[in-house]
Amino acid sequence: MLEFRHIAHAYNGTPSVNDISLTVNEGEVVTLLGPSGCGKTTLLRLAAGLEQPLAGEIWLDGEQVSGVQTITPPEKRGVGFMFQDYALFPHLSVIENVVFGLPSKGSLATKRGLDVLAEVNIEALADAYPHELSGGQQQRVALARALAPKPSVILLDEPYAGLDSRLRERIRDQMLHVLKATKTAALMVTHDAEEAMFMSDRIIVLREGSVTQTGRPVNLYCQPNSAFVAEFFGEVNRVDGVVRNGQIETPLGKFNATAEMEEGDPASIVIRYEALRIEPDGNFGTNAIVIEARLLGRASLIHLSVPTGTDELHLHARVPGLNSFGEGTRVRISVDVAQAFVFAAN
């Protein structure tokens, strides 16, 4: 439904995106994920027709809508756009906001507006005004307005940024069901990896205007191609070492070097917090001392110190529920190698 072909763009001569190609298929949710300034919002604005590319083409449902020489105006693209601040008209009621962008008015438009409000479960608020709504209700009005014209593609710019964490979980679950039920293709922007994994069929990780890695959430989490991607999908420990005889020896044990590494190359082992297994002091694993333990609700965060002879290695581990390791407890730790990744040191 939406295709970028070798897109490049710049602001005041400073490149913002460079040679990016991507597709969004019918009924698919694709997320652009990355830190601030990586080009996520620029790509969304290019898709909407709010910016014109310096190079490349954008195709929508089989037709070219953007290029170096031509650009189809946003209002003629048939694309839904949900802004981060929702951009509701304060002087219009909910139903008036929803039908505002429909080409026809009257009873048919009102019926369509009420139908789409029902899809997001707020039809009872049709006559209310934006200032009378909660943040979550305003978010659903904005989604209804974007879906009302039955767009083939909807663009979502950090759609949950203004919501508290509990409400965010509930609203994004509802939004995902609506998108799938309507088979609307969606391109979403976020810097929240958990949000991207929950919503997405595919994730495109961006860094400094270029694509770093693309794939299904499980592939990016379990098979990151760089320390940058690994760190973006969860908190990690980093342990440095040097390649010797095809392995990197660390205070946590030996890890196999990658095929590209040569003897003497510096390496970094990126280990997820949940990859550290903690057991009472026994006959296996690495000696460590619990520095601090904090209950975070569904999990506990354990601060560990691993003596290395002349110094100590400070690590974090995340364990389910309430832990039984008090400050000063001597423990043994081992590593789940499926959640430890070896990369060349930066």
Protein backbone atom coordinates (compact mmCIF):
# COMPACT_ATOMS: atom_id res chain seq x y z
CA MET A 1 0.00 0.00 0.00
CA LEU A 2 2.88 2.36 0.76
CA GLU A 3 6.38 2.18 -0.72
CA PHE A 4 9.49 4.31 -0.28
CA ARG A 5 12.10 3.91 -3.01
CA HIS A 6 15.59 5.23 -2.18
CA ILE A 7 14.27 8.29 -0.37
CA ALA A 8 16.61 11.08 0.74
CA HIS A 9 15.80 14.37 2.44
CA ALA A 10 17.59 17.22 4.18
CA TYR A 11 16.79 20.35 6.19
CA ASN A 12 18.87 23.44 5.38
CA GLY A 13 21.50 21.27 3.77
CA THR A 14 21.73 18.85 6.71
CA PRO A 15 20.73 15.29 5.72
CA SER A 16 17.82 13.87 7.71
CA VAL A 17 17.21 10.58 5.85
CA ASN A 18 19.52 8.86 3.39
CA ASP A 19 18.64 6.26 0.73
CA ILE A 20 15.75 4.65 2.62
CA SER A 21 13.53 2.02 1.00
CA LEU A 22 10.59 0.42 2.82
CA THR A 23 7.13 -1.00 2.22
CA VAL A 24 3.90 -1.23 4.21
CA ASN A 25 1.47 -3.89 3.00
CA GLU A 26 -2.31 -4.05 3.36
CA GLY A 27 -3.38 -4.67 6.96
CA GLU A 28 0.22 -4.46 8.17
CA VAL A 29 1.49 -2.29 11.03
CA VAL A 30 5.07 -1.13 10.45
CA THR A 31 6.89 0.94 13.04
CA LEU A 32 9.78 3.35 12.58
CA LEU A 33 11.83 3.04 15.77
CA GLY A 34 14.85 5.04 16.84
CA PRO A 35 16.18 7.88 19.00
CA SER A 36 15.29 11.53 18.55
CA GLY A 37 16.71 13.01 15.36
CA CYS A 38 17.07 9.71 13.49
CA GLY A 39 14.60 10.65 10.73
CA LYS A 40 11.39 8.93 11.92
CA THR A 41 9.09 11.94 11.77
CA THR A 42 10.67 13.15 8.52
CA LEU A 43 9.66 9.87 6.86
CA LEU A 44 6.13 10.23 8.21
CA ARG A 45 5.88 13.80 6.86
CA LEU A 46 7.20 12.63 3.50
CA ALA A 47 4.55 9.90 3.40
CA ALA A 48 1.85 12.45 4.22
CA GLY A 49 3.01 14.85 1.53
CA LEU A 50 4.05 17.54 4.01
CA GLU A 51 7.63 17.35 2.69
CA GLN A 52 9.08 16.66 -0.75
CA PRO A 53 12.02 14.26 -1.13
CA LEU A 54 15.38 15.38 -2.49
CA ALA A 55 15.80 11.97 -4.09
CA GLY A 56 13.71 8.86 -4.64
CA GLU A 57 10.00 8.17 -5.00
CA ILE A 58 7.00 7.41 -2.79
CA TRP A 59 4.21 5.19 -4.12
CA LEU A 60 0.75 4.83 -2.59
CA ASP A 61 -1.55 1.99 -3.64
CA GLY A 62 0.24 1.61 -6.98
CA GLU A 63 0.51 5.30 -7.83
CA GLN A 64 3.48 7.62 -7.45
CA VAL A 65 2.61 10.46 -5.05
CA SER A 66 6.06 11.97 -4.40
CA GLY A 67 9.23 12.46 -6.37
CA VAL A 68 11.91 15.04 -7.04
CA GLN A 69 9.78 16.77 -9.68
CA THR A 70 6.20 16.06 -8.54
CA ILE A 71 4.21 15.82 -5.32
CA THR A 72 0.55 15.03 -4.68
CA PRO A 73 -0.95 17.35 -2.01
CA PRO A 74 -1.77 15.73 1.36
CA GLU A 75 -5.53 16.21 0.97
CA LYS A 76 -5.54 14.24 -2.31
CA ARG A 77 -3.60 11.22 -1.05
CA GLY A 78 -6.37 9.53 0.91
CA VAL A 79 -3.99 8.99 3.82
CA GLY A 80 -5.08 9.23 7.45
CA PHE A 81 -2.76 11.16 9.76
CA MET A 82 -2.91 11.00 13.56
CA PHE A 83 -0.83 13.75 15.13
CA GLN A 84 1.00 13.41 18.43
CA ASP A 85 -1.09 16.18 20.04
CA TYR A 86 -4.33 14.87 18.42
CA ALA A 87 -5.04 18.36 16.87
CA LEU A 88 -8.76 18.31 17.64
CA PHE A 89 -10.79 21.43 16.90
CA PRO A 90 -11.87 22.77 20.34
CA HIS A 91 -14.98 24.54 19.00
CA LEU A 92 -16.35 21.40 17.29
CA SER A 93 -18.09 18.47 18.96
CA VAL A 94 -16.68 14.96 18.77
CA ILE A 95 -18.88 13.96 15.84
CA GLU A 96 -18.08 17.25 14.04
CA ASN A 97 -14.37 16.61 14.50
CA VAL A 98 -14.71 13.08 13.13
CA VAL A 99 -16.64 14.05 9.98
CA PHE A 100 -14.63 17.23 9.32
CA GLY A 101 -12.43 15.67 6.64
CA LEU A 102 -15.12 13.69 4.84
CA PRO A 103 -15.76 14.87 1.27
CA SER A 104 -19.56 14.65 1.67
CA LYS A 105 -21.60 16.05 4.54
CA GLY A 106 -25.11 15.44 5.84
CA SER A 107 -26.72 12.27 7.14
CA LEU A 108 -24.35 9.86 5.38
CA ALA A 109 -21.32 11.58 6.87
CA THR A 110 -22.94 11.57 10.31
CA LYS A 111 -23.70 7.85 10.01
CA ARG A 112 -20.10 7.14 9.02
CA GLY A 113 -18.88 9.24 11.95
CA LEU A 114 -21.07 7.38 14.41
CA ASP A 115 -19.99 4.03 12.97
CA VAL A 116 -16.31 4.79 13.41
CA LEU A 117 -16.92 6.17 16.91
CA ALA A 118 -18.57 2.84 17.71
CA GLU A 119 -15.49 1.03 16.44
CA VAL A 120 -13.40 2.83 19.08
CA ASN A 121 -16.14 2.51 21.75
CA ILE A 122 -16.92 6.19 22.31
CA GLU A 123 -20.16 6.67 20.37
CA ALA A 124 -21.81 7.92 23.59
CA LEU A 125 -19.49 10.96 23.48
CA ALA A 126 -20.56 12.12 20.02
CA ASP A 127 -22.00 15.41 21.27
CA ALA A 128 -19.21 16.19 23.77
CA TYR A 129 -16.43 18.70 23.16
CA PRO A 130 -12.68 17.99 23.33
CA HIS A 131 -12.15 19.88 26.61
CA GLU A 132 -14.72 17.58 28.25
CA LEU A 133 -12.75 14.44 27.35
CA SER A 134 -9.90 12.62 29.03
CA GLY A 135 -6.59 12.14 27.23
CA GLY A 136 -7.50 8.59 26.27
CA GLN A 137 -10.88 9.67 24.90
CA GLN A 138 -9.28 12.46 22.87
CA GLN A 139 -6.84 9.93 21.46
CA ARG A 140 -9.71 7.72 20.30
CA VAL A 141 -11.48 10.68 18.72
CA ALA A 142 -8.30 11.46 16.77
CA LEU A 143 -8.10 7.82 15.64
CA ALA A 144 -11.76 7.85 14.61
CA ARG A 145 -11.22 11.04 12.59
CA ALA A 146 -8.23 9.48 10.82
CA LEU A 147 -10.21 6.32 10.02
CA ALA A 148 -13.47 8.01 8.98
CA PRO A 149 -12.51 8.53 5.27
CA LYS A 150 -11.55 4.81 5.07
CA PRO A 151 -7.90 5.53 4.17
CA SER A 152 -5.78 2.78 2.68
CA VAL A 153 -2.90 3.92 4.91
CA ILE A 154 -2.86 5.64 8.30
CA LEU A 155 0.19 7.47 9.67
CA LEU A 156 0.63 7.52 13.46
CA ASP A 157 3.04 10.01 15.04
CA GLU A 158 3.87 8.89 18.62
CA PRO A 159 0.13 8.25 19.19
CA TYR A 160 0.43 7.35 22.89
CA ALA A 161 2.97 9.95 24.01
CA GLY A 162 0.49 11.96 26.09
CA LEU A 163 -1.03 9.03 28.00
CA ASP A 164 -0.03 7.56 31.36
CA SER A 165 1.43 4.05 31.31
CA ARG A 166 -1.71 2.11 32.36
CA LEU A 167 -3.98 3.98 29.98
CA ARG A 168 -1.40 3.62 27.21
CA GLU A 169 -1.47 -0.17 27.49
CA ARG A 170 -5.26 -0.28 27.24
CA ILE A 171 -5.56 2.21 24.39
CA ARG A 172 -2.86 0.70 22.20
CA ASP A 173 -4.46 -2.73 22.59
CA GLN A 174 -7.76 -1.29 21.41
CA MET A 175 -6.12 0.60 18.54
CA LEU A 176 -4.37 -2.54 17.32
CA HIS A 177 -7.68 -4.42 17.24
CA VAL A 178 -9.31 -1.59 15.26
CA LEU A 179 -6.47 -1.44 12.72
CA LYS A 180 -6.56 -5.19 12.19
CA ALA A 181 -10.36 -5.29 11.95
CA THR A 182 -10.39 -2.56 9.29
CA LYS A 183 -7.32 -4.04 7.49
CA THR A 184 -5.79 -0.56 7.40
CA ALA A 185 -2.08 -0.37 6.64
CA ALA A 186 -0.31 1.68 9.31
CA LEU A 187 3.07 3.36 9.53
CA MET A 188 3.82 4.38 13.11
CA VAL A 189 6.61 6.42 14.68
CA THR A 190 7.83 5.78 18.22
CA HIS A 191 10.99 5.76 20.31
CA ASP A 192 9.51 3.19 22.72
CA ALA A 193 10.74 -0.32 21.88
CA GLU A 194 8.10 -2.11 23.96
CA GLU A 195 5.36 -0.16 22.22
CA ALA A 196 6.85 -1.01 18.83
CA MET A 197 7.04 -4.71 19.69
CA PHE A 198 3.42 -4.78 20.88
CA MET A 199 1.96 -2.97 17.86
CA SER A 200 4.10 -4.06 14.94
CA ASP A 201 4.21 -6.76 12.33
CA ARG A 202 7.59 -5.35 11.32
CA ILE A 203 9.95 -2.82 12.87
CA ILE A 204 12.44 -0.61 11.04
CA VAL A 205 15.22 0.61 13.33
CA LEU A 206 16.71 3.94 12.27
CA ARG A 207 19.94 5.61 13.26
CA GLU A 208 21.20 8.94 11.94
CA GLY A 209 18.87 8.86 8.95
CA SER A 210 19.65 5.31 7.80
CA VAL A 211 18.08 1.89 8.33
CA THR A 212 20.07 -0.14 10.86
CA GLN A 213 17.93 -3.30 10.91
CA THR A 214 14.49 -4.41 9.76
CA GLY A 215 12.49 -7.41 10.87
CA ARG A 216 9.76 -8.92 13.00
CA PRO A 217 9.87 -7.94 16.69
CA VAL A 218 11.08 -11.38 17.77
CA ASN A 219 13.94 -11.30 15.25
CA LEU A 220 15.16 -7.88 16.33
CA TYR A 221 14.99 -8.82 20.00
CA CYS A 222 16.63 -12.23 19.66
CA GLN A 223 19.00 -11.52 16.73
CA PRO A 224 20.14 -7.88 16.88
CA ASN A 225 22.80 -7.05 14.29
CA SER A 226 24.53 -4.41 16.44
CA ALA A 227 24.98 -3.31 20.03
CA PHE A 228 22.85 -0.26 19.17
CA VAL A 229 19.85 -2.43 18.25
CA ALA A 230 20.36 -4.77 21.22
CA GLU A 231 20.42 -1.83 23.64
CA PHE A 232 17.35 -0.27 22.06
CA PHE A 233 15.27 -3.36 22.82
CA GLY A 234 16.04 -3.56 26.53
CA GLU A 235 18.45 -2.73 29.30
CA VAL A 236 21.82 -4.41 28.95
CA ASN A 237 25.16 -4.97 30.64
CA ARG A 238 28.28 -4.48 28.53
CA VAL A 239 31.40 -6.51 29.22
CA ASP A 240 34.55 -5.90 27.19
CA GLY A 241 37.19 -8.40 26.17
CA VAL A 242 39.69 -9.41 23.50
CA VAL A 243 39.50 -12.24 20.97
CA ARG A 244 41.88 -15.08 21.84
CA ASN A 245 41.74 -18.38 19.95
CA GLY A 246 38.24 -17.66 18.69
CA GLN A 247 36.82 -16.75 22.08
CA ILE A 248 36.45 -13.73 24.34
CA GLU A 249 37.33 -14.46 27.96
CA THR A 250 35.43 -12.39 30.55
CA PRO A 251 34.74 -12.56 34.30
CA LEU A 252 31.43 -14.17 33.32
CA GLY A 253 33.03 -16.93 31.29
CA LYS A 254 34.05 -17.43 27.66
CA PHE A 255 31.98 -16.35 24.68
CA ASN A 256 32.49 -17.39 21.07
CA ALA A 257 33.77 -14.68 18.74
CA THR A 258 31.89 -13.98 15.52
CA ALA A 259 33.22 -15.19 12.17
CA GLU A 260 34.35 -11.68 11.21
CA MET A 261 36.54 -11.22 14.29
CA GLU A 262 40.27 -11.79 14.19
CA GLU A 263 42.83 -12.62 16.85
CA GLY A 264 43.40 -9.66 19.15
CA ASP A 265 40.27 -7.72 18.12
CA PRO A 266 38.51 -5.88 20.96
CA ALA A 267 34.95 -7.10 21.55
CA SER A 268 31.89 -6.19 23.58
CA ILE A 269 29.52 -8.72 25.09
CA VAL A 270 26.03 -7.23 25.38
CA ILE A 271 24.03 -9.10 28.02
CA ARG A 272 20.39 -8.43 28.77
CA TYR A 273 19.48 -7.90 32.42
CA GLU A 274 17.16 -10.92 32.32
CA ALA A 275 19.98 -13.09 30.91
CA LEU A 276 21.74 -13.18 34.28
CA ARG A 277 20.68 -16.15 36.39
CA ILE A 278 21.23 -15.82 40.11
CA GLU A 279 21.50 -18.74 42.51
CA PRO A 280 22.59 -19.08 46.15
CA ASP A 281 26.35 -19.46 46.51
CA GLY A 282 27.15 -22.93 45.18
CA ASN A 283 29.51 -24.82 42.95
CA PHE A 284 28.80 -23.27 39.56
CA GLY A 285 28.88 -19.90 37.84
CA THR A 286 30.65 -16.73 38.89
CA ASN A 287 31.11 -15.39 42.38
CA ALA A 288 29.20 -12.15 42.97
CA ILE A 289 27.91 -10.01 45.79
CA VAL A 290 24.47 -8.40 45.91
CA ILE A 291 24.92 -4.64 46.34
CA GLU A 292 21.27 -3.69 46.25
CA ALA A 293 17.87 -5.14 45.35
CA ARG A 294 14.80 -3.14 44.32
CA LEU A 295 11.27 -4.44 43.76
CA LEU A 296 9.80 -2.84 40.62
CA GLY A 297 6.42 -4.58 40.67
CA ARG A 298 6.45 -7.53 38.31
CA ALA A 299 10.23 -7.88 38.63
CA SER A 300 13.12 -7.04 40.91
CA LEU A 301 16.29 -5.25 39.83
CA ILE A 302 19.42 -6.70 41.43
CA HIS A 303 22.71 -4.74 41.53
CA LEU A 304 25.71 -7.09 41.55
CA SER A 305 29.43 -6.71 42.06
CA VAL A 306 31.77 -9.27 40.47
CA PRO A 307 35.39 -9.10 41.73
CA THR A 308 37.91 -9.24 38.87
CA GLY A 309 41.15 -9.28 40.83
CA THR A 310 42.28 -5.66 40.56
CA ASP A 311 38.82 -4.17 40.13
CA GLU A 312 35.15 -5.11 40.14
CA LEU A 313 32.49 -5.48 37.49
CA HIS A 314 29.14 -3.86 38.23
CA LEU A 315 26.14 -5.69 36.72
CA HIS A 316 22.37 -5.49 36.80
CA ALA A 317 20.00 -8.46 36.74
CA ARG A 318 16.21 -8.49 36.43
CA VAL A 319 14.41 -11.40 38.09
CA PRO A 320 10.65 -12.13 38.24
CA GLY A 321 8.68 -10.96 41.27
CA LEU A 322 10.05 -10.46 44.76
CA ASN A 323 13.63 -11.67 45.16
CA SER A 324 15.15 -13.31 48.23
CA PHE A 325 18.67 -11.89 47.92
CA GLY A 326 19.47 -9.24 50.51
CA GLU A 327 22.26 -6.68 50.42
CA GLY A 328 25.67 -8.32 50.95
CA THR A 329 24.49 -11.81 49.95
CA ARG A 330 27.08 -13.89 48.12
CA VAL A 331 25.59 -15.52 45.04
CA ARG A 332 26.58 -17.35 41.91
CA ILE A 333 25.61 -15.96 38.53
CA SER A 334 25.56 -17.55 35.11
CA VAL A 335 24.55 -16.23 31.70
CA ASP A 336 21.80 -17.37 29.34
CA VAL A 337 23.88 -17.26 26.15
CA ALA A 338 20.71 -16.88 24.02
CA GLN A 339 20.39 -13.39 25.47
CA ALA A 340 24.06 -12.44 25.24
CA PHE A 341 25.38 -10.97 21.98
CA VAL A 342 28.95 -10.53 20.78
CA PHE A 343 29.93 -7.49 18.71
CA ALA A 344 33.11 -5.74 17.69
CA ALA A 345 33.91 -3.02 20.21
CA ASN A 346 33.06 0.48 19.03
